Amino acid sequence: MPKDLYYNPKGTPEEKVPRNVDGRTEFYINYTSALEMVFRLNVAGSFIAPTEDTGFFREWNADEMYFLSEVLKDLVPDTFGIVLG
């Protein structure tokens, strides 16, 4: 991984140092680390904020937007004509 891909080495001009959301706190990422964005869906559950997660500070999105809306649900049959037994 390129050493300047995710971090800025010490001595980098201040305007190029990554900052947290508060805009004041500088942070540095070791070049052996990689950042990854993972999208999590809480199926049959509600939104879970990062501060409410189990210590990993993950964000879980509710599933309502990812399933058929009430309008479209009427267009898709809820039976498939399969008879069991």
PDB file of N, CA and C in Angstrom:
ATOM      1  N   MET A   1       0.854  -1.167   0.000  1.00  0.00           N
ATOM      2  CA  MET A   1       0.000   0.000   0.000  1.00  0.00           C
ATOM      3  C   MET A   1       0.905   1.236   0.000  1.00  0.00           C
ATOM      4  N   PRO A   2       0.617   2.235  -0.824  1.00  0.00           N
ATOM      5  CA  PRO A   2       1.443   3.447  -0.831  1.00  0.00           C
ATOM      6  C   PRO A   2       1.450   4.106   0.540  1.00  0.00           C
ATOM      7  N   LYS A   3       2.599   4.603   0.949  1.00  0.00           N
ATOM      8  CA  LYS A   3       2.707   5.162   2.288  1.00  0.00           C
ATOM      9  C   LYS A   3       1.971   6.485   2.448  1.00  0.00           C
ATOM     10  N   ASP A   4       1.552   7.115   1.372  1.00  0.00           N
ATOM     11  CA  ASP A   4       0.836   8.388   1.512  1.00  0.00           C
ATOM     12  C   ASP A   4      -0.635   8.277   1.107  1.00  0.00           C
ATOM     13  N   LEU A   5      -1.163   7.058   1.041  1.00  0.00           N
ATOM     14  CA  LEU A   5      -2.537   6.874   0.599  1.00  0.00           C
ATOM     15  C   LEU A   5      -3.551   7.268   1.664  1.00  0.00           C
ATOM     16  N   TYR A   6      -3.354   6.835   2.907  1.00  0.00           N
ATOM     17  CA  TYR A   6      -4.334   7.057   3.961  1.00  0.00           C
ATOM     18  C   TYR A   6      -3.859   7.979   5.071  1.00  0.00           C
ATOM     19  N   TYR A   7      -2.644   8.398   5.075  1.00  0.00           N
ATOM     20  CA  TYR A   7      -2.163   9.184   6.201  1.00  0.00           C
ATOM     21  C   TYR A   7      -1.227  10.268   5.715  1.00  0.00           C
ATOM     22  N   ASN A   8      -0.940  11.178   6.592  1.00  0.00           N
ATOM     23  CA  ASN A   8       0.053  12.205   6.329  1.00  0.00           C
ATOM     24  C   ASN A   8       1.147  12.074   7.378  1.00  0.00           C
ATOM     25  N   PRO A   9       2.382  11.961   6.967  1.00  0.00           N
ATOM     26  CA  PRO A   9       3.457  11.818   7.942  1.00  0.00           C
ATOM     27  C   PRO A   9       3.633  13.083   8.771  1.00  0.00           C
ATOM     28  N   LYS A  10       4.225  12.920   9.944  1.00  0.00           N
ATOM     29  CA  LYS A  10       4.528  14.084  10.786  1.00  0.00           C
ATOM     30  C   LYS A  10       5.359  15.063   9.961  1.00  0.00           C
ATOM     31  N   GLY A  11       5.110  16.337  10.170  1.00  0.00           N
ATOM     32  CA  GLY A  11       5.811  17.353   9.416  1.00  0.00           C
ATOM     33  C   GLY A  11       5.040  17.824   8.197  1.00  0.00           C
ATOM     34  N   THR A  12       3.915  17.190   7.892  1.00  0.00           N
ATOM     35  CA  THR A  12       3.069  17.612   6.781  1.00  0.00           C
ATOM     36  C   THR A  12       2.447  18.961   7.134  1.00  0.00           C
ATOM     37  N   PRO A  13       2.340  19.893   6.182  1.00  0.00           N
ATOM     38  CA  PRO A  13       1.694  21.179   6.485  1.00  0.00           C
ATOM     39  C   PRO A  13       0.314  20.973   7.096  1.00  0.00           C
ATOM     40  N   GLU A  14      -0.040  21.832   8.057  1.00  0.00           N
ATOM     41  CA  GLU A  14      -1.260  21.655   8.838  1.00  0.00           C
ATOM     42  C   GLU A  14      -2.513  21.530   7.988  1.00  0.00           C
ATOM     43  N   GLU A  15      -2.604  22.256   6.878  1.00  0.00           N
ATOM     44  CA  GLU A  15      -3.819  22.195   6.062  1.00  0.00           C
ATOM     45  C   GLU A  15      -3.988  20.836   5.378  1.00  0.00           C
ATOM     46  N   LYS A  16      -2.942  20.018   5.370  1.00  0.00           N
ATOM     47  CA  LYS A  16      -3.039  18.703   4.741  1.00  0.00           C
ATOM     48  C   LYS A  16      -3.186  17.563   5.743  1.00  0.00           C
ATOM     49  N   VAL A  17      -3.232  17.877   7.035  1.00  0.00           N
ATOM     50  CA  VAL A  17      -3.377  16.836   8.058  1.00  0.00           C
ATOM     51  C   VAL A  17      -4.855  16.505   8.206  1.00  0.00           C
ATOM     52  N   PRO A  18      -5.227  15.227   8.141  1.00  0.00           N
ATOM     53  CA  PRO A  18      -6.637  14.865   8.321  1.00  0.00           C
ATOM     54  C   PRO A  18      -7.144  15.330   9.680  1.00  0.00           C
ATOM     55  N   ARG A  19      -8.393  15.727   9.735  1.00  0.00           N
ATOM     56  CA  ARG A  19      -8.984  16.191  10.985  1.00  0.00           C
ATOM     57  C   ARG A  19     -10.266  15.429  11.257  1.00  0.00           C
ATOM     58  N   ASN A  20     -10.565  15.279  12.532  1.00  0.00           N
ATOM     59  CA  ASN A  20     -11.843  14.697  12.920  1.00  0.00           C
ATOM     60  C   ASN A  20     -12.953  15.682  12.610  1.00  0.00           C
ATOM     61  N   VAL A  21     -14.185  15.269  12.809  1.00  0.00           N
ATOM     62  CA  VAL A  21     -15.338  16.107  12.500  1.00  0.00           C
ATOM     63  C   VAL A  21     -15.292  17.418  13.270  1.00  0.00           C
ATOM     64  N   ASP A  22     -14.760  17.408  14.490  1.00  0.00           N
ATOM     65  CA  ASP A  22     -14.720  18.645  15.279  1.00  0.00           C
ATOM     66  C   ASP A  22     -13.773  19.677  14.676  1.00  0.00           C
ATOM     67  N   GLY A  23     -12.929  19.287  13.732  1.00  0.00           N
ATOM     68  CA  GLY A  23     -12.061  20.218  13.033  1.00  0.00           C
ATOM     69  C   GLY A  23     -10.806  20.600  13.786  1.00  0.00           C
ATOM     70  N   ARG A  24     -10.653  20.137  15.012  1.00  0.00           N
ATOM     71  CA  ARG A  24      -9.489  20.524  15.807  1.00  0.00           C
ATOM     72  C   ARG A  24      -8.515  19.371  16.011  1.00  0.00           C
ATOM     73  N   THR A  25      -9.028  18.170  16.111  1.00  0.00           N
ATOM     74  CA  THR A  25      -8.202  17.030  16.486  1.00  0.00           C
ATOM     75  C   THR A  25      -7.515  16.424  15.269  1.00  0.00           C
ATOM     76  N   GLU A  26      -6.190  16.385  15.299  1.00  0.00           N
ATOM     77  CA  GLU A  26      -5.444  15.736  14.232  1.00  0.00           C
ATOM     78  C   GLU A  26      -5.338  14.250  14.535  1.00  0.00           C
ATOM     79  N   PHE A  27      -5.261  13.436  13.517  1.00  0.00           N
ATOM     80  CA  PHE A  27      -5.028  12.010  13.725  1.00  0.00           C
ATOM     81  C   PHE A  27      -4.116  11.499  12.627  1.00  0.00           C
ATOM     82  N   TYR A  28      -3.382  10.484  12.946  1.00  0.00           N
ATOM     83  CA  TYR A  28      -2.464   9.882  11.994  1.00  0.00           C
ATOM     84  C   TYR A  28      -2.797   8.400  11.880  1.00  0.00           C
ATOM     85  N   ILE A  29      -2.699   7.867  10.694  1.00  0.00           N
ATOM     86  CA  ILE A  29      -2.984   6.462  10.450  1.00  0.00           C
ATOM     87  C   ILE A  29      -1.698   5.794   9.993  1.00  0.00           C
ATOM     88  N   ASN A  30      -1.327   4.727  10.655  1.00  0.00           N
ATOM     89  CA  ASN A  30      -0.124   3.994  10.307  1.00  0.00           C
ATOM     90  C   ASN A  30      -0.279   3.404   8.905  1.00  0.00           C
ATOM     91  N   TYR A  31       0.787   3.394   8.128  1.00  0.00           N
ATOM     92  CA  TYR A  31       0.679   2.907   6.745  1.00  0.00           C
ATOM     93  C   TYR A  31       0.379   1.416   6.662  1.00  0.00           C
ATOM     94  N   THR A  32       0.473   0.678   7.769  1.00  0.00           N
ATOM     95  CA  THR A  32       0.132  -0.742   7.745  1.00  0.00           C
ATOM     96  C   THR A  32      -1.367  -0.958   7.917  1.00  0.00           C
ATOM     97  N   SER A  33      -2.105   0.106   8.188  1.00  0.00           N
ATOM     98  CA  SER A  33      -3.557   0.008   8.377  1.00  0.00           C
ATOM     99  C   SER A  33      -4.275   0.363   7.086  1.00  0.00           C
ATOM    100  N   ALA A  34      -5.417  -0.230   6.888  1.00  0.00           N
ATOM    101  CA  ALA A  34      -6.264   0.108   5.749  1.00  0.00           C
ATOM    102  C   ALA A  34      -7.625   0.532   6.271  1.00  0.00           C
ATOM    103  N   LEU A  35      -8.230   1.487   5.615  1.00  0.00           N
ATOM    104  CA  LEU A  35      -9.564   1.927   5.989  1.00  0.00           C
ATOM    105  C   LEU A  35     -10.569   1.242   5.071  1.00  0.00           C
ATOM    106  N   GLU A  36     -11.713   0.914   5.630  1.00  0.00           N
ATOM    107  CA  GLU A  36     -12.721   0.203   4.860  1.00  0.00           C
ATOM    108  C   GLU A  36     -14.091   0.735   5.241  1.00  0.00           C
ATOM    109  N   MET A  37     -14.936   0.951   4.255  1.00  0.00           N
ATOM    110  CA  MET A  37     -16.313   1.361   4.505  1.00  0.00           C
ATOM    111  C   MET A  37     -17.196   0.146   4.307  1.00  0.00           C
ATOM    112  N   VAL A  38     -17.910  -0.221   5.341  1.00  0.00           N
ATOM    113  CA  VAL A  38     -18.817  -1.358   5.277  1.00  0.00           C
ATOM    114  C   VAL A  38     -20.214  -0.844   5.545  1.00  0.00           C
ATOM    115  N   PHE A  39     -21.147  -1.230   4.705  1.00  0.00           N
ATOM    116  CA  PHE A  39     -22.540  -0.819   4.869  1.00  0.00           C
ATOM    117  C   PHE A  39     -23.275  -1.941   5.570  1.00  0.00           C
ATOM    118  N   ARG A  40     -23.880  -1.626   6.710  1.00  0.00           N
ATOM    119  CA  ARG A  40     -24.575  -2.645   7.492  1.00  0.00           C
ATOM    120  C   ARG A  40     -26.069  -2.393   7.477  1.00  0.00           C
ATOM    121  N   LEU A  41     -26.822  -3.457   7.299  1.00  0.00           N
ATOM    122  CA  LEU A  41     -28.277  -3.379   7.253  1.00  0.00           C
ATOM    123  C   LEU A  41     -28.839  -4.201   8.406  1.00  0.00           C
ATOM    124  N   ASN A  42     -29.627  -3.567   9.253  1.00  0.00           N
ATOM    125  CA  ASN A  42     -30.249  -4.237  10.392  1.00  0.00           C
ATOM    126  C   ASN A  42     -31.589  -4.799   9.925  1.00  0.00           C
ATOM    127  N   VAL A  43     -31.579  -6.023   9.427  1.00  0.00           N
ATOM    128  CA  VAL A  43     -32.779  -6.639   8.858  1.00  0.00           C
ATOM    129  C   VAL A  43     -33.813  -6.857   9.959  1.00  0.00           C
ATOM    130  N   ALA A  44     -35.036  -6.381   9.688  1.00  0.00           N
ATOM    131  CA  ALA A  44     -36.166  -6.465  10.626  1.00  0.00           C
ATOM    132  C   ALA A  44     -35.907  -5.687  11.904  1.00  0.00           C
ATOM    133  N   GLY A  45     -35.007  -4.744  11.840  1.00  0.00           N
ATOM    134  CA  GLY A  45     -34.709  -3.916  13.006  1.00  0.00           C
ATOM    135  C   GLY A  45     -34.622  -2.460  12.628  1.00  0.00           C
ATOM    136  N   SER A  46     -34.438  -1.633  13.617  1.00  0.00           N
ATOM    137  CA  SER A  46     -34.376  -0.191  13.384  1.00  0.00           C
ATOM    138  C   SER A  46     -32.924   0.271  13.266  1.00  0.00           C
ATOM    139  N   PHE A  47     -32.756   1.548  12.971  1.00  0.00           N
ATOM    140  CA  PHE A  47     -31.442   2.165  12.866  1.00  0.00           C
ATOM    141  C   PHE A  47     -30.726   2.068  14.213  1.00  0.00           C
ATOM    142  N   ILE A  48     -29.436   1.750  14.181  1.00  0.00           N
ATOM    143  CA  ILE A  48     -28.613   1.733  15.388  1.00  0.00           C
ATOM    144  C   ILE A  48     -27.452   2.688  15.153  1.00  0.00           C
ATOM    145  N   ALA A  49     -27.375   3.719  15.974  1.00  0.00           N
ATOM    146  CA  ALA A  49     -26.307   4.712  15.855  1.00  0.00           C
ATOM    147  C   ALA A  49     -24.979   4.108  16.308  1.00  0.00           C
ATOM    148  N   PRO A  50     -23.858   4.628  15.819  1.00  0.00           N
ATOM    149  CA  PRO A  50     -22.550   4.104  16.235  1.00  0.00           C
ATOM    150  C   PRO A  50     -22.347   4.127  17.746  1.00  0.00           C
ATOM    151  N   THR A  51     -22.881   5.122  18.411  1.00  0.00           N
ATOM    152  CA  THR A  51     -22.718   5.203  19.866  1.00  0.00           C
ATOM    153  C   THR A  51     -23.583   4.197  20.606  1.00  0.00           C
ATOM    154  N   GLU A  52     -24.544   3.587  19.912  1.00  0.00           N
ATOM    155  CA  GLU A  52     -25.412   2.589  20.535  1.00  0.00           C
ATOM    156  C   GLU A  52     -25.013   1.164  20.154  1.00  0.00           C
ATOM    157  N   ASP A  53     -23.965   1.017  19.357  1.00  0.00           N
ATOM    158  CA  ASP A  53     -23.493  -0.300  18.954  1.00  0.00           C
ATOM    159  C   ASP A  53     -22.756  -0.951  20.128  1.00  0.00           C
ATOM    160  N   THR A  54     -22.382  -2.199  19.954  1.00  0.00           N
ATOM    161  CA  THR A  54     -21.800  -2.975  21.050  1.00  0.00           C
ATOM    162  C   THR A  54     -20.307  -2.735  21.239  1.00  0.00           C
ATOM    163  N   GLY A  55     -19.865  -1.507  21.141  1.00  0.00           N
ATOM    164  CA  GLY A  55     -18.466  -1.197  21.379  1.00  0.00           C
ATOM    165  C   GLY A  55     -17.621  -1.050  20.141  1.00  0.00           C
ATOM    166  N   PHE A  56     -18.163  -1.396  18.986  1.00  0.00           N
ATOM    167  CA  PHE A  56     -17.401  -1.284  17.746  1.00  0.00           C
ATOM    168  C   PHE A  56     -17.712  -0.001  16.989  1.00  0.00           C
ATOM    169  N   PHE A  57     -18.668   0.770  17.467  1.00  0.00           N
ATOM    170  CA  PHE A  57     -19.065   2.046  16.861  1.00  0.00           C
ATOM    171  C   PHE A  57     -19.454   1.886  15.395  1.00  0.00           C
ATOM    172  N   ARG A  58     -20.208   0.829  15.101  1.00  0.00           N
ATOM    173  CA  ARG A  58     -20.707   0.603  13.741  1.00  0.00           C
ATOM    174  C   ARG A  58     -22.072   1.265  13.603  1.00  0.00           C
ATOM    175  N   GLU A  59     -22.416   1.655  12.392  1.00  0.00           N
ATOM    176  CA  GLU A  59     -23.745   2.202  12.122  1.00  0.00           C
ATOM    177  C   GLU A  59     -24.550   1.138  11.391  1.00  0.00           C
ATOM    178  N   TRP A  60     -25.747   0.857  11.899  1.00  0.00           N
ATOM    179  CA  TRP A  60     -26.639  -0.127  11.298  1.00  0.00           C
ATOM    180  C   TRP A  60     -27.864   0.601  10.776  1.00  0.00           C
ATOM    181  N   ASN A  61     -28.165   0.446   9.500  1.00  0.00           N
ATOM    182  CA  ASN A  61     -29.321   1.103   8.908  1.00  0.00           C
ATOM    183  C   ASN A  61     -30.539   0.188   8.945  1.00  0.00           C
ATOM    184  N   ALA A  62     -31.704   0.800   9.099  1.00  0.00           N
ATOM    185  CA  ALA A  62     -32.955   0.040   9.056  1.00  0.00           C
ATOM    186  C   ALA A  62     -33.170  -0.472   7.636  1.00  0.00           C
ATOM    187  N   ASP A  63     -34.004  -1.494   7.503  1.00  0.00           N
ATOM    188  CA  ASP A  63     -34.157  -2.129   6.198  1.00  0.00           C
ATOM    189  C   ASP A  63     -35.314  -1.599   5.363  1.00  0.00           C
ATOM    190  N   GLU A  64     -36.103  -0.650   5.877  1.00  0.00           N
ATOM    191  CA  GLU A  64     -37.310  -0.224   5.158  1.00  0.00           C
ATOM    192  C   GLU A  64     -37.039   0.269   3.742  1.00  0.00           C
ATOM    193  N   MET A  65     -35.966   1.001   3.546  1.00  0.00           N
ATOM    194  CA  MET A  65     -35.688   1.575   2.227  1.00  0.00           C
ATOM    195  C   MET A  65     -35.194   0.531   1.228  1.00  0.00           C
ATOM    196  N   TYR A  66     -34.870  -0.656   1.687  1.00  0.00           N
ATOM    197  CA  TYR A  66     -34.235  -1.635   0.820  1.00  0.00           C
ATOM    198  C   TYR A  66     -35.156  -2.781   0.430  1.00  0.00           C
ATOM    199  N   PHE A  67     -36.397  -2.712   0.872  1.00  0.00           N
ATOM    200  CA  PHE A  67     -37.396  -3.695   0.485  1.00  0.00           C
ATOM    201  C   PHE A  67     -38.493  -2.979  -0.280  1.00  0.00           C
ATOM    202  N   LEU A  68     -39.391  -3.717  -0.852  1.00  0.00           N
ATOM    203  CA  LEU A  68     -40.434  -3.110  -1.664  1.00  0.00           C
ATOM    204  C   LEU A  68     -41.274  -2.133  -0.852  1.00  0.00           C
ATOM    205  N   SER A  69     -41.571  -0.998  -1.447  1.00  0.00           N
ATOM    206  CA  SER A  69     -42.433  -0.025  -0.785  1.00  0.00           C
ATOM    207  C   SER A  69     -43.866  -0.541  -0.787  1.00  0.00           C
ATOM    208  N   GLU A  70     -44.730   0.100  -0.020  1.00  0.00           N
ATOM    209  CA  GLU A  70     -46.132  -0.317   0.050  1.00  0.00           C
ATOM    210  C   GLU A  70     -46.798  -0.240  -1.326  1.00  0.00           C
ATOM    211  N   VAL A  71     -46.421   0.741  -2.128  1.00  0.00           N
ATOM    212  CA  VAL A  71     -47.012   0.900  -3.455  1.00  0.00           C
ATOM    213  C   VAL A  71     -46.599  -0.259  -4.361  1.00  0.00           C
ATOM    214  N   LEU A  72     -45.333  -0.607  -4.359  1.00  0.00           N
ATOM    215  CA  LEU A  72     -44.843  -1.666  -5.236  1.00  0.00           C
ATOM    216  C   LEU A  72     -45.210  -3.054  -4.738  1.00  0.00           C
ATOM    217  N   LYS A  73     -45.444  -3.190  -3.451  1.00  0.00           N
ATOM    218  CA  LYS A  73     -45.742  -4.506  -2.889  1.00  0.00           C
ATOM    219  C   LYS A  73     -46.990  -5.123  -3.516  1.00  0.00           C
ATOM    220  N   ASP A  74     -47.962  -4.286  -3.889  1.00  0.00           N
ATOM    221  CA  ASP A  74     -49.188  -4.795  -4.498  1.00  0.00           C
ATOM    222  C   ASP A  74     -48.951  -5.346  -5.906  1.00  0.00           C
ATOM    223  N   LEU A  75     -47.871  -4.940  -6.552  1.00  0.00           N
ATOM    224  CA  LEU A  75     -47.578  -5.402  -7.904  1.00  0.00           C
ATOM    225  C   LEU A  75     -46.869  -6.750  -7.926  1.00  0.00           C
ATOM    226  N   VAL A  76     -46.312  -7.150  -6.807  1.00  0.00           N
ATOM    227  CA  VAL A  76     -45.571  -8.404  -6.727  1.00  0.00           C
ATOM    228  C   VAL A  76     -46.415  -9.418  -5.969  1.00  0.00           C
ATOM    229  N   PRO A  77     -46.697 -10.570  -6.570  1.00  0.00           N
ATOM    230  CA  PRO A  77     -47.529 -11.557  -5.868  1.00  0.00           C
ATOM    231  C   PRO A  77     -46.818 -12.086  -4.626  1.00  0.00           C
ATOM    232  N   ASP A  78     -47.592 -12.277  -3.564  1.00  0.00           N
ATOM    233  CA  ASP A  78     -46.993 -12.807  -2.342  1.00  0.00           C
ATOM    234  C   ASP A  78     -47.167 -14.315  -2.225  1.00  0.00           C
ATOM    235  N   THR A  79     -47.742 -14.911  -3.238  1.00  0.00           N
ATOM    236  CA  THR A  79     -47.816 -16.375  -3.306  1.00  0.00           C
ATOM    237  C   THR A  79     -47.178 -16.808  -4.608  1.00  0.00           C
ATOM    238  N   PHE A  80     -46.533 -17.923  -4.574  1.00  0.00           N
ATOM    239  CA  PHE A  80     -45.823 -18.383  -5.754  1.00  0.00           C
ATOM    240  C   PHE A  80     -46.436 -19.642  -6.349  1.00  0.00           C
ATOM    241  N   GLY A  81     -47.573 -20.051  -5.841  1.00  0.00           N
ATOM    242  CA  GLY A  81     -48.243 -21.212  -6.395  1.00  0.00           C
ATOM    243  C   GLY A  81     -47.580 -22.534  -6.067  1.00  0.00           C
ATOM    244  N   ILE A  82     -46.771 -22.569  -5.030  1.00  0.00           N
ATOM    245  CA  ILE A  82     -46.111 -23.810  -4.641  1.00  0.00           C
ATOM    246  C   ILE A  82     -46.952 -24.474  -3.554  1.00  0.00           C
ATOM    247  N   VAL A  83     -47.327 -25.714  -3.800  1.00  0.00           N
ATOM    248  CA  VAL A  83     -48.108 -26.467  -2.817  1.00  0.00           C
ATOM    249  C   VAL A  83     -47.186 -27.488  -2.169  1.00  0.00           C
ATOM    250  N   LEU A  84     -47.067 -27.416  -0.874  1.00  0.00           N
ATOM    251  CA  LEU A  84     -46.220 -28.361  -0.152  1.00  0.00           C
ATOM    252  C   LEU A  84     -47.066 -29.478   0.440  1.00  0.00           C
ATOM    253  N   GLY A  85     -46.526 -30.668   0.444  1.00  0.00           N
ATOM    254  CA  GLY A  85     -47.150 -31.797   1.121  1.00  0.00           C
ATOM    255  C   GLY A  85     -48.169 -32.430   0.306  1.00  0.00           C
TER     256      GLY A  85
END
